[in-house]
C-alpha cells in the first residue's frame, strides 16, 4: 500500500494545492475535546468561514474510519462534535488509529504531520501544547514541540495554553531551534491573556514579512516549523490574576483526581471554563478565530 491509500484530500483542497492557491490547515481536537457541544460545532464552522472570508481554503483535518481526511465535509464535523467515541491522536497514535480504522481528532502534532503529507504550509490553532507545570517530576512535555522542530508547517497560535509552564516551553523551543515570532507584540502571549512576562525572539508586524521569513527558512534547508504567536484580541483578553487563580484551582483538582497525560489539557480547560462561568470559552473562540484570520493573510503571501 502507498500513502494515498491512507489519506483522502478533498477536491477543494487538492485543487488549491495543485493550483498553488492559499490553504490553511485546521485541527479537530478543538471540536472533539476542546469545547462542549454545540459550541464546538459552531466554532469549527466559524473557523472555516473565517478562512474563506480572508481569501484562503480551509482544510480541517481528522481521521475518520481509519482514513486521514484533509478537508472535512460538514457531516464529518458534526460527527466529531457529537460522538463520544473519538480518540485524541498525536504522532504516536496515528499508525494505530489508521490501522485499526478508528475515528480520531488530531492534536497540533498530528495535524502538522497530516498537513505536511498533503503539501500544506500553514496551520491555525488556538494554543500549542508545551512543557507542563511540574514536568521536572512528570516529564510531561507535549509532542507538539518536537513536531515543530521536524515538520515544515508554520503554526499560528495565541502562544501556549496558560495552564503550562511558559518559561520552560520557550526554553525547550529554543533548544529545538524553533523560531518564535510575535505578531505585533514583543511579549509572548499566554492564550487567554496577552501577557506572559516572557519575550518573543522576534517581533514582526506584517503578514508579508512573516511569509518571507517562512520561505527563507525552508529555502535555506532549515527544516521544521515556525511558531507565530498572535495575541488574543485586547477586548477578549482575560485578567491575568483571575485566569491564574482559576488555573491553580483546576491543577489542584486534576492532581487530586490523578488526571495525567493527554486527558489533562481537556480537563483543565473545562475546569477553567466552569470557574470563569464560560468567559474563558468565549475568549478561546475569539482567539482561535483571530488566528485563522492571520494564518489566511500569511497564506495569501506564502503561496
C-alpha atoms as a PDB file:
ATOM      1  CA  UNK A   1       0.000   0.000   0.000  1.00  0.00           C
ATOM      2  CA  UNK A   2       1.092   3.586  -0.617  1.00  0.00           C
ATOM      3  CA  UNK A   3       0.421   6.840   1.220  1.00  0.00           C
ATOM      4  CA  UNK A   4      -2.618   7.610  -0.946  1.00  0.00           C
ATOM      5  CA  UNK A   5      -4.311   4.508   0.479  1.00  0.00           C
ATOM      6  CA  UNK A   6      -4.303   6.152   3.914  1.00  0.00           C
ATOM      7  CA  UNK A   7      -5.184   9.749   3.108  1.00  0.00           C
ATOM      8  CA  UNK A   8      -8.139  11.459   1.467  1.00  0.00           C
ATOM      9  CA  UNK A   9      -7.678  15.058   0.365  1.00  0.00           C
ATOM     10  CA  UNK A  10     -10.910  16.850  -0.515  1.00  0.00           C
ATOM     11  CA  UNK A  11     -11.387  18.016  -4.108  1.00  0.00           C
ATOM     12  CA  UNK A  12     -11.352  21.649  -2.990  1.00  0.00           C
ATOM     13  CA  UNK A  13      -8.103  21.323  -1.052  1.00  0.00           C
ATOM     14  CA  UNK A  14      -6.454  19.217  -3.772  1.00  0.00           C
ATOM     15  CA  UNK A  15      -7.395  21.792  -6.430  1.00  0.00           C
ATOM     16  CA  UNK A  16      -5.994  24.609  -4.291  1.00  0.00           C
ATOM     17  CA  UNK A  17      -2.705  22.770  -3.671  1.00  0.00           C
ATOM     18  CA  UNK A  18      -2.372  21.860  -7.356  1.00  0.00           C
ATOM     19  CA  UNK A  19      -3.069  25.460  -8.333  1.00  0.00           C
ATOM     20  CA  UNK A  20      -0.686  26.811  -5.678  1.00  0.00           C
ATOM     21  CA  UNK A  21      -3.558  28.672  -4.007  1.00  0.00           C
ATOM     22  CA  UNK A  22      -3.562  29.516  -0.275  1.00  0.00           C
ATOM     23  CA  UNK A  23      -4.752  26.786   2.096  1.00  0.00           C
ATOM     24  CA  UNK A  24      -4.951  26.909   5.903  1.00  0.00           C
ATOM     25  CA  UNK A  25      -4.950  23.686   7.921  1.00  0.00           C
ATOM     26  CA  UNK A  26      -7.234  23.482  10.961  1.00  0.00           C
ATOM     27  CA  UNK A  27      -7.123  20.893  13.747  1.00  0.00           C
ATOM     28  CA  UNK A  28     -10.020  18.835  15.053  1.00  0.00           C
ATOM     29  CA  UNK A  29      -9.151  18.327  18.725  1.00  0.00           C
ATOM     30  CA  UNK A  30     -10.871  21.646  19.411  1.00  0.00           C
ATOM     31  CA  UNK A  31     -14.043  20.024  18.032  1.00  0.00           C
ATOM     32  CA  UNK A  32     -13.960  16.710  19.904  1.00  0.00           C
ATOM     33  CA  UNK A  33     -12.007  17.536  23.056  1.00  0.00           C
ATOM     34  CA  UNK A  34     -11.704  21.305  23.386  1.00  0.00           C
ATOM     35  CA  UNK A  35     -15.261  22.627  23.624  1.00  0.00           C
ATOM     36  CA  UNK A  36     -18.730  21.389  24.600  1.00  0.00           C
ATOM     37  CA  UNK A  37     -21.479  20.761  22.039  1.00  0.00           C
ATOM     38  CA  UNK A  38     -22.883  22.761  20.251  1.00  0.00           C
ATOM     39  CA  UNK A  39     -20.229  25.442  20.685  1.00  0.00           C
ATOM     40  CA  UNK A  40     -17.609  23.114  19.222  1.00  0.00           C
ATOM     41  CA  UNK A  41     -19.627  22.656  16.025  1.00  0.00           C
ATOM     42  CA  UNK A  42     -20.360  26.379  15.746  1.00  0.00           C
ATOM     43  CA  UNK A  43     -16.689  27.232  16.254  1.00  0.00           C
ATOM     44  CA  UNK A  44     -15.431  24.686  13.717  1.00  0.00           C
ATOM     45  CA  UNK A  45     -17.763  26.104  11.058  1.00  0.00           C
ATOM     46  CA  UNK A  46     -16.870  29.667  12.079  1.00  0.00           C
ATOM     47  CA  UNK A  47     -13.164  28.928  11.588  1.00  0.00           C
ATOM     48  CA  UNK A  48     -13.737  27.501   8.121  1.00  0.00           C
ATOM     49  CA  UNK A  49     -15.833  30.558   7.194  1.00  0.00           C
ATOM     50  CA  UNK A  50     -13.174  32.903   8.593  1.00  0.00           C
ATOM     51  CA  UNK A  51     -10.513  31.301   6.400  1.00  0.00           C
ATOM     52  CA  UNK A  52     -12.744  31.591   3.330  1.00  0.00           C
ATOM     53  CA  UNK A  53     -13.656  35.222   4.074  1.00  0.00           C
ATOM     54  CA  UNK A  54      -9.957  36.057   4.222  1.00  0.00           C
ATOM     55  CA  UNK A  55      -9.114  34.539   0.854  1.00  0.00           C
ATOM     56  CA  UNK A  56      -7.894  31.025   1.620  1.00  0.00           C
ATOM     57  CA  UNK A  57      -9.242  27.471   1.529  1.00  0.00           C
ATOM     58  CA  UNK A  58      -9.834  25.766   4.911  1.00  0.00           C
ATOM     59  CA  UNK A  59      -8.570  22.215   5.432  1.00  0.00           C
ATOM     60  CA  UNK A  60      -9.891  20.829   8.706  1.00  0.00           C
ATOM     61  CA  UNK A  61      -8.087  17.562   9.452  1.00  0.00           C
ATOM     62  CA  UNK A  62      -9.183  14.393  11.293  1.00  0.00           C
ATOM     63  CA  UNK A  63      -9.095  10.606  10.999  1.00  0.00           C
ATOM     64  CA  UNK A  64     -12.457   9.123  10.002  1.00  0.00           C
ATOM     65  CA  UNK A  65     -12.793   5.326   9.966  1.00  0.00           C
ATOM     66  CA  UNK A  66      -9.030   4.991   9.692  1.00  0.00           C
ATOM     67  CA  UNK A  67      -8.642   7.419   6.790  1.00  0.00           C
ATOM     68  CA  UNK A  68      -6.762  10.677   7.247  1.00  0.00           C
ATOM     69  CA  UNK A  69      -9.081  13.313   5.844  1.00  0.00           C
ATOM     70  CA  UNK A  70      -7.672  16.684   4.834  1.00  0.00           C
ATOM     71  CA  UNK A  71     -10.700  18.875   4.254  1.00  0.00           C
ATOM     72  CA  UNK A  72     -13.783  17.623   6.062  1.00  0.00           C
ATOM     73  CA  UNK A  73     -17.397  17.504   4.965  1.00  0.00           C
ATOM     74  CA  UNK A  74     -19.911  19.250   7.232  1.00  0.00           C
ATOM     75  CA  UNK A  75     -21.235  15.794   8.181  1.00  0.00           C
ATOM     76  CA  UNK A  76     -17.737  14.821   9.379  1.00  0.00           C
ATOM     77  CA  UNK A  77     -17.531  17.938  11.554  1.00  0.00           C
ATOM     78  CA  UNK A  78     -20.985  17.243  13.002  1.00  0.00           C
ATOM     79  CA  UNK A  79     -19.939  13.662  13.766  1.00  0.00           C
ATOM     80  CA  UNK A  80     -16.771  14.810  15.543  1.00  0.00           C
ATOM     81  CA  UNK A  81     -18.723  17.386  17.545  1.00  0.00           C
ATOM     82  CA  UNK A  82     -21.309  14.906  18.864  1.00  0.00           C
ATOM     83  CA  UNK A  83     -19.667  11.490  19.163  1.00  0.00           C
ATOM     84  CA  UNK A  84     -18.139  10.404  22.480  1.00  0.00           C
ATOM     85  CA  UNK A  85     -16.045   7.719  20.754  1.00  0.00           C
ATOM     86  CA  UNK A  86     -13.428   9.988  19.217  1.00  0.00           C
ATOM     87  CA  UNK A  87      -9.793   9.331  20.108  1.00  0.00           C
ATOM     88  CA  UNK A  88      -7.265  12.114  20.561  1.00  0.00           C
ATOM     89  CA  UNK A  89      -4.416  11.488  18.118  1.00  0.00           C
ATOM     90  CA  UNK A  90      -0.855  12.673  18.499  1.00  0.00           C
ATOM     91  CA  UNK A  91       2.096  11.495  16.346  1.00  0.00           C
ATOM     92  CA  UNK A  92       2.462   8.254  18.310  1.00  0.00           C
ATOM     93  CA  UNK A  93      -1.210   7.345  17.887  1.00  0.00           C
ATOM     94  CA  UNK A  94      -1.643   7.817  14.137  1.00  0.00           C
ATOM     95  CA  UNK A  95      -0.387   4.387  12.951  1.00  0.00           C
ATOM     96  CA  UNK A  96      -2.599   2.512  15.418  1.00  0.00           C
ATOM     97  CA  UNK A  97      -5.707   4.596  14.741  1.00  0.00           C
ATOM     98  CA  UNK A  98      -5.304   4.351  10.969  1.00  0.00           C
ATOM     99  CA  UNK A  99      -4.511   0.626  11.049  1.00  0.00           C
ATOM    100  CA  UNK A 100      -7.493  -0.190  13.286  1.00  0.00           C
ATOM    101  CA  UNK A 101      -9.781   2.092  11.254  1.00  0.00           C
ATOM    102  CA  UNK A 102     -10.775   4.210  14.240  1.00  0.00           C
ATOM    103  CA  UNK A 103     -12.005   7.795  14.487  1.00  0.00           C
ATOM    104  CA  UNK A 104      -9.751  10.461  15.924  1.00  0.00           C
ATOM    105  CA  UNK A 105      -9.394  14.196  16.298  1.00  0.00           C
ATOM    106  CA  UNK A 106      -5.887  15.407  15.560  1.00  0.00           C
ATOM    107  CA  UNK A 107      -3.771  17.371  18.017  1.00  0.00           C
ATOM    108  CA  UNK A 108      -1.327  20.039  16.868  1.00  0.00           C
ATOM    109  CA  UNK A 109       1.432  17.483  16.225  1.00  0.00           C
ATOM    110  CA  UNK A 110      -0.802  15.080  14.274  1.00  0.00           C
ATOM    111  CA  UNK A 111      -2.385  17.937  12.315  1.00  0.00           C
ATOM    112  CA  UNK A 112       1.071  19.166  11.328  1.00  0.00           C
ATOM    113  CA  UNK A 113       2.019  15.697  10.089  1.00  0.00           C
ATOM    114  CA  UNK A 114      -1.183  15.267   8.082  1.00  0.00           C
ATOM    115  CA  UNK A 115      -0.953  18.793   6.685  1.00  0.00           C
ATOM    116  CA  UNK A 116       2.609  18.060   5.606  1.00  0.00           C
ATOM    117  CA  UNK A 117       1.507  14.861   3.863  1.00  0.00           C
ATOM    118  CA  UNK A 118      -0.965  16.977   1.875  1.00  0.00           C
ATOM    119  CA  UNK A 119       1.727  19.564   0.974  1.00  0.00           C
ATOM    120  CA  UNK A 120       0.149  22.328   3.056  1.00  0.00           C
ATOM    121  CA  UNK A 121       2.284  25.094   4.544  1.00  0.00           C
ATOM    122  CA  UNK A 122       0.422  26.831   7.362  1.00  0.00           C
ATOM    123  CA  UNK A 123      -1.847  25.818  10.197  1.00  0.00           C
ATOM    124  CA  UNK A 124      -4.020  27.819  12.622  1.00  0.00           C
ATOM    125  CA  UNK A 125      -4.826  26.573  16.106  1.00  0.00           C
ATOM    126  CA  UNK A 126      -5.770  28.034  19.477  1.00  0.00           C
ATOM    127  CA  UNK A 127      -2.666  27.330  21.508  1.00  0.00           C
ATOM    128  CA  UNK A 128       0.022  24.689  21.143  1.00  0.00           C
ATOM    129  CA  UNK A 129       0.961  22.197  23.843  1.00  0.00           C
ATOM    130  CA  UNK A 130       4.159  22.619  25.772  1.00  0.00           C
ATOM    131  CA  UNK A 131       6.025  21.782  28.951  1.00  0.00           C
ATOM    132  CA  UNK A 132       3.530  21.109  31.730  1.00  0.00           C
ATOM    133  CA  UNK A 133       3.950  22.548  35.199  1.00  0.00           C
ATOM    134  CA  UNK A 134       5.813  20.055  37.351  1.00  0.00           C
ATOM    135  CA  UNK A 135       7.469  18.470  34.305  1.00  0.00           C
ATOM    136  CA  UNK A 136      10.708  18.048  36.276  1.00  0.00           C
ATOM    137  CA  UNK A 137       8.869  15.216  38.046  1.00  0.00           C
ATOM    138  CA  UNK A 138       6.371  14.041  35.437  1.00  0.00           C
ATOM    139  CA  UNK A 139       8.388  14.638  32.232  1.00  0.00           C
ATOM    140  CA  UNK A 140       5.093  15.729  30.678  1.00  0.00           C
ATOM    141  CA  UNK A 141       6.171  17.580  27.536  1.00  0.00           C
ATOM    142  CA  UNK A 142       3.865  17.855  24.548  1.00  0.00           C
ATOM    143  CA  UNK A 143       4.813  16.208  21.263  1.00  0.00           C
ATOM    144  CA  UNK A 144       3.751  19.485  19.637  1.00  0.00           C
ATOM    145  CA  UNK A 145       7.161  20.942  20.469  1.00  0.00           C
ATOM    146  CA  UNK A 146       9.251  18.200  18.864  1.00  0.00           C
ATOM    147  CA  UNK A 147       6.941  18.217  15.849  1.00  0.00           C
ATOM    148  CA  UNK A 148       7.663  21.915  15.381  1.00  0.00           C
ATOM    149  CA  UNK A 149      11.340  21.013  15.163  1.00  0.00           C
ATOM    150  CA  UNK A 150      10.929  18.492  12.328  1.00  0.00           C
ATOM    151  CA  UNK A 151       7.826  19.220  10.211  1.00  0.00           C
ATOM    152  CA  UNK A 152       7.752  22.081   7.724  1.00  0.00           C
ATOM    153  CA  UNK A 153       4.488  23.696   8.788  1.00  0.00           C
ATOM    154  CA  UNK A 154       4.155  27.250  10.093  1.00  0.00           C
ATOM    155  CA  UNK A 155       1.823  27.370  13.093  1.00  0.00           C
ATOM    156  CA  UNK A 156      -0.232  30.388  14.151  1.00  0.00           C
ATOM    157  CA  UNK A 157      -1.364  30.245  17.782  1.00  0.00           C
ATOM    158  CA  UNK A 158      -2.137  32.519  20.714  1.00  0.00           C
ATOM    159  CA  UNK A 159       1.101  31.323  22.292  1.00  0.00           C
ATOM    160  CA  UNK A 160       0.779  28.284  24.535  1.00  0.00           C
ATOM    161  CA  UNK A 161      -2.048  27.471  26.871  1.00  0.00           C
ATOM    162  CA  UNK A 162      -1.583  29.348  30.140  1.00  0.00           C
ATOM    163  CA  UNK A 163      -2.072  26.074  32.072  1.00  0.00           C
ATOM    164  CA  UNK A 164       1.513  25.226  31.019  1.00  0.00           C
ATOM    165  CA  UNK A 165       4.956  26.300  32.190  1.00  0.00           C
ATOM    166  CA  UNK A 166       5.527  29.014  29.614  1.00  0.00           C
ATOM    167  CA  UNK A 167       9.147  29.763  30.512  1.00  0.00           C
ATOM    168  CA  UNK A 168      10.234  26.137  30.185  1.00  0.00           C
ATOM    169  CA  UNK A 169       8.231  25.758  26.971  1.00  0.00           C
ATOM    170  CA  UNK A 170      10.110  28.658  25.390  1.00  0.00           C
ATOM    171  CA  UNK A 171      13.433  27.256  26.615  1.00  0.00           C
ATOM    172  CA  UNK A 172      12.616  23.910  25.042  1.00  0.00           C
ATOM    173  CA  UNK A 173      11.618  25.534  21.751  1.00  0.00           C
ATOM    174  CA  UNK A 174      14.967  27.344  21.750  1.00  0.00           C
ATOM    175  CA  UNK A 175      16.794  24.044  22.286  1.00  0.00           C
ATOM    176  CA  UNK A 176      14.893  22.551  19.349  1.00  0.00           C
ATOM    177  CA  UNK A 177      15.753  25.518  17.132  1.00  0.00           C
ATOM    178  CA  UNK A 178      12.174  26.642  16.541  1.00  0.00           C
ATOM    179  CA  UNK A 179      11.846  30.378  15.719  1.00  0.00           C
ATOM    180  CA  UNK A 180       9.193  32.102  17.842  1.00  0.00           C
ATOM    181  CA  UNK A 181       7.769  35.188  16.161  1.00  0.00           C
ATOM    182  CA  UNK A 182       5.468  37.657  17.865  1.00  0.00           C
ATOM    183  CA  UNK A 183       2.875  39.210  15.566  1.00  0.00           C
ATOM    184  CA  UNK A 184       2.741  42.886  16.501  1.00  0.00           C
ATOM    185  CA  UNK A 185       3.919  42.036  20.027  1.00  0.00           C
ATOM    186  CA  UNK A 186       7.224  41.943  21.906  1.00  0.00           C
ATOM    187  CA  UNK A 187       5.768  39.670  24.581  1.00  0.00           C
ATOM    188  CA  UNK A 188       4.842  36.042  24.169  1.00  0.00           C
ATOM    189  CA  UNK A 189       1.073  35.679  24.682  1.00  0.00           C
ATOM    190  CA  UNK A 190      -0.417  33.221  27.171  1.00  0.00           C
ATOM    191  CA  UNK A 191      -3.545  32.033  25.380  1.00  0.00           C
ATOM    192  CA  UNK A 192      -6.328  33.683  27.452  1.00  0.00           C
ATOM    193  CA  UNK A 193      -4.141  36.732  28.140  1.00  0.00           C
ATOM    194  CA  UNK A 194      -1.870  38.914  26.032  1.00  0.00           C
ATOM    195  CA  UNK A 195       0.946  38.930  28.587  1.00  0.00           C
ATOM    196  CA  UNK A 196       3.158  36.186  29.980  1.00  0.00           C
ATOM    197  CA  UNK A 197       6.219  38.036  31.223  1.00  0.00           C
ATOM    198  CA  UNK A 198       8.367  36.385  28.516  1.00  0.00           C
ATOM    199  CA  UNK A 199       9.682  37.989  25.339  1.00  0.00           C
ATOM    200  CA  UNK A 200       9.460  36.578  21.830  1.00  0.00           C
ATOM    201  CA  UNK A 201      12.594  36.031  19.715  1.00  0.00           C
ATOM    202  CA  UNK A 202      11.461  38.470  17.029  1.00  0.00           C
ATOM    203  CA  UNK A 203       8.605  40.907  16.581  1.00  0.00           C
ATOM    204  CA  UNK A 204       7.142  41.077  13.051  1.00  0.00           C
ATOM    205  CA  UNK A 205       4.337  43.472  12.163  1.00  0.00           C
ATOM    206  CA  UNK A 206       3.052  42.326   8.748  1.00  0.00           C
ATOM    207  CA  UNK A 207       1.855  39.030   7.226  1.00  0.00           C
ATOM    208  CA  UNK A 208       4.114  39.726   4.216  1.00  0.00           C
ATOM    209  CA  UNK A 209       7.241  39.769   6.380  1.00  0.00           C
ATOM    210  CA  UNK A 210       6.213  36.571   8.172  1.00  0.00           C
ATOM    211  CA  UNK A 211       5.622  34.796   4.853  1.00  0.00           C
ATOM    212  CA  UNK A 212       9.063  35.918   3.658  1.00  0.00           C
ATOM    213  CA  UNK A 213      10.709  34.540   6.815  1.00  0.00           C
ATOM    214  CA  UNK A 214       8.934  31.192   6.370  1.00  0.00           C
ATOM    215  CA  UNK A 215      10.050  30.956   2.717  1.00  0.00           C
ATOM    216  CA  UNK A 216      13.613  31.927   3.607  1.00  0.00           C
ATOM    217  CA  UNK A 217      13.845  29.288   6.343  1.00  0.00           C
ATOM    218  CA  UNK A 218      12.767  26.460   4.073  1.00  0.00           C
ATOM    219  CA  UNK A 219      14.733  27.749   1.061  1.00  0.00           C
ATOM    220  CA  UNK A 220      17.832  27.534   3.258  1.00  0.00           C
ATOM    221  CA  UNK A 221      17.087  23.898   4.010  1.00  0.00           C
ATOM    222  CA  UNK A 222      16.360  24.635   7.666  1.00  0.00           C
ATOM    223  CA  UNK A 223      13.668  22.025   8.242  1.00  0.00           C
ATOM    224  CA  UNK A 224      10.998  22.383  10.898  1.00  0.00           C
ATOM    225  CA  UNK A 225       8.229  24.810  11.605  1.00  0.00           C
ATOM    226  CA  UNK A 226       7.899  28.358  12.842  1.00  0.00           C
ATOM    227  CA  UNK A 227       5.674  29.391  15.737  1.00  0.00           C
ATOM    228  CA  UNK A 228       3.800  32.627  15.085  1.00  0.00           C
ATOM    229  CA  UNK A 229       2.458  33.950  18.378  1.00  0.00           C
ATOM    230  CA  UNK A 230      -0.679  36.031  17.810  1.00  0.00           C
ATOM    231  CA  UNK A 231      -2.133  37.554  20.996  1.00  0.00           C
ATOM    232  CA  UNK A 232      -5.829  37.235  21.801  1.00  0.00           C
ATOM    233  CA  UNK A 233      -7.602  40.470  20.771  1.00  0.00           C
ATOM    234  CA  UNK A 234      -7.320  43.038  23.545  1.00  0.00           C
ATOM    235  CA  UNK A 235     -11.089  43.249  24.082  1.00  0.00           C
ATOM    236  CA  UNK A 236     -11.200  39.463  24.638  1.00  0.00           C
ATOM    237  CA  UNK A 237      -8.125  39.167  26.845  1.00  0.00           C
ATOM    238  CA  UNK A 238      -8.854  37.956  30.381  1.00  0.00           C
ATOM    239  CA  UNK A 239      -7.494  39.355  33.618  1.00  0.00           C
ATOM    240  CA  UNK A 240      -4.184  37.631  34.322  1.00  0.00           C
ATOM    241  CA  UNK A 241      -4.726  37.227  38.076  1.00  0.00           C
ATOM    242  CA  UNK A 242      -8.202  35.796  37.573  1.00  0.00           C
ATOM    243  CA  UNK A 243      -7.085  33.254  34.993  1.00  0.00           C
ATOM    244  CA  UNK A 244      -4.061  32.183  37.056  1.00  0.00           C
ATOM    245  CA  UNK A 245      -6.278  31.646  40.094  1.00  0.00           C
ATOM    246  CA  UNK A 246      -8.646  29.519  38.005  1.00  0.00           C
ATOM    247  CA  UNK A 247      -5.754  27.508  36.582  1.00  0.00           C
ATOM    248  CA  UNK A 248      -4.285  26.855  40.021  1.00  0.00           C
ATOM    249  CA  UNK A 249      -7.654  25.582  41.250  1.00  0.00           C
ATOM    250  CA  UNK A 250      -8.008  23.377  38.169  1.00  0.00           C
ATOM    251  CA  UNK A 251      -4.483  21.987  38.584  1.00  0.00           C
ATOM    252  CA  UNK A 252      -5.184  21.114  42.212  1.00  0.00           C
ATOM    253  CA  UNK A 253      -8.360  19.276  41.234  1.00  0.00           C
ATOM    254  CA  UNK A 254      -6.551  17.407  38.444  1.00  0.00           C
ATOM    255  CA  UNK A 255      -3.872  16.321  40.909  1.00  0.00           C
ATOM    256  CA  UNK A 256      -6.493  15.125  43.393  1.00  0.00           C
ATOM    257  CA  UNK A 257      -8.203  13.088  40.671  1.00  0.00           C
ATOM    258  CA  UNK A 258      -4.927  11.694  39.336  1.00  0.00           C
ATOM    259  CA  UNK A 259      -5.528  13.033  35.825  1.00  0.00           C
ATOM    260  CA  UNK A 260      -2.428  12.808  33.640  1.00  0.00           C
ATOM    261  CA  UNK A 261      -1.238  12.629  30.051  1.00  0.00           C
ATOM    262  CA  UNK A 262      -3.435  13.560  27.119  1.00  0.00           C
ATOM    263  CA  UNK A 263      -6.511  13.875  29.345  1.00  0.00           C
ATOM    264  CA  UNK A 264      -5.154  16.722  31.421  1.00  0.00           C
ATOM    265  CA  UNK A 265      -5.481  19.583  28.925  1.00  0.00           C
ATOM    266  CA  UNK A 266      -9.187  18.990  28.106  1.00  0.00           C
ATOM    267  CA  UNK A 267      -9.871  18.567  31.843  1.00  0.00           C
ATOM    268  CA  UNK A 268      -8.102  21.792  32.801  1.00  0.00           C
ATOM    269  CA  UNK A 269      -9.761  23.812  30.039  1.00  0.00           C
ATOM    270  CA  UNK A 270     -13.189  22.543  31.098  1.00  0.00           C
ATOM    271  CA  UNK A 271     -12.480  23.345  34.755  1.00  0.00           C
ATOM    272  CA  UNK A 272     -11.220  26.838  33.951  1.00  0.00           C
ATOM    273  CA  UNK A 273     -14.319  27.426  31.830  1.00  0.00           C
ATOM    274  CA  UNK A 274     -16.512  26.356  34.736  1.00  0.00           C
ATOM    275  CA  UNK A 275     -14.671  28.549  37.240  1.00  0.00           C
ATOM    276  CA  UNK A 276     -14.829  31.603  34.949  1.00  0.00           C
ATOM    277  CA  UNK A 277     -18.518  30.956  34.208  1.00  0.00           C
ATOM    278  CA  UNK A 278     -17.936  30.496  30.499  1.00  0.00           C
ATOM    279  CA  UNK A 279     -15.810  33.575  29.903  1.00  0.00           C
ATOM    280  CA  UNK A 280     -12.678  31.561  29.138  1.00  0.00           C
ATOM    281  CA  UNK A 281     -14.566  29.654  26.434  1.00  0.00           C
ATOM    282  CA  UNK A 282     -15.639  32.917  24.824  1.00  0.00           C
ATOM    283  CA  UNK A 283     -12.036  34.104  24.909  1.00  0.00           C
ATOM    284  CA  UNK A 284     -10.948  30.801  23.355  1.00  0.00           C
ATOM    285  CA  UNK A 285     -13.375  31.184  20.448  1.00  0.00           C
ATOM    286  CA  UNK A 286     -12.228  34.746  19.756  1.00  0.00           C
ATOM    287  CA  UNK A 287      -8.524  33.943  19.862  1.00  0.00           C
ATOM    288  CA  UNK A 288      -8.701  30.900  17.578  1.00  0.00           C
ATOM    289  CA  UNK A 289     -10.814  32.881  15.082  1.00  0.00           C
ATOM    290  CA  UNK A 290      -8.215  35.644  15.202  1.00  0.00           C
ATOM    291  CA  UNK A 291      -5.521  33.046  14.467  1.00  0.00           C
ATOM    292  CA  UNK A 292      -7.444  31.662  11.490  1.00  0.00           C
ATOM    293  CA  UNK A 293      -7.660  35.182  10.063  1.00  0.00           C
ATOM    294  CA  UNK A 294      -3.923  35.835  10.437  1.00  0.00           C
ATOM    295  CA  UNK A 295      -2.994  32.416   9.034  1.00  0.00           C
ATOM    296  CA  UNK A 296      -5.124  33.177   5.966  1.00  0.00           C
ATOM    297  CA  UNK A 297      -3.422  36.544   5.491  1.00  0.00           C
ATOM    298  CA  UNK A 298       0.002  34.897   5.707  1.00  0.00           C
ATOM    299  CA  UNK A 299      -1.065  32.044   3.398  1.00  0.00           C
ATOM    300  CA  UNK A 300      -2.008  34.506   0.641  1.00  0.00           C
ATOM    301  CA  UNK A 301       1.571  35.823   0.698  1.00  0.00           C
ATOM    302  CA  UNK A 302       3.129  32.386   1.157  1.00  0.00           C
ATOM    303  CA  UNK A 303       1.659  30.628  -1.878  1.00  0.00           C
END
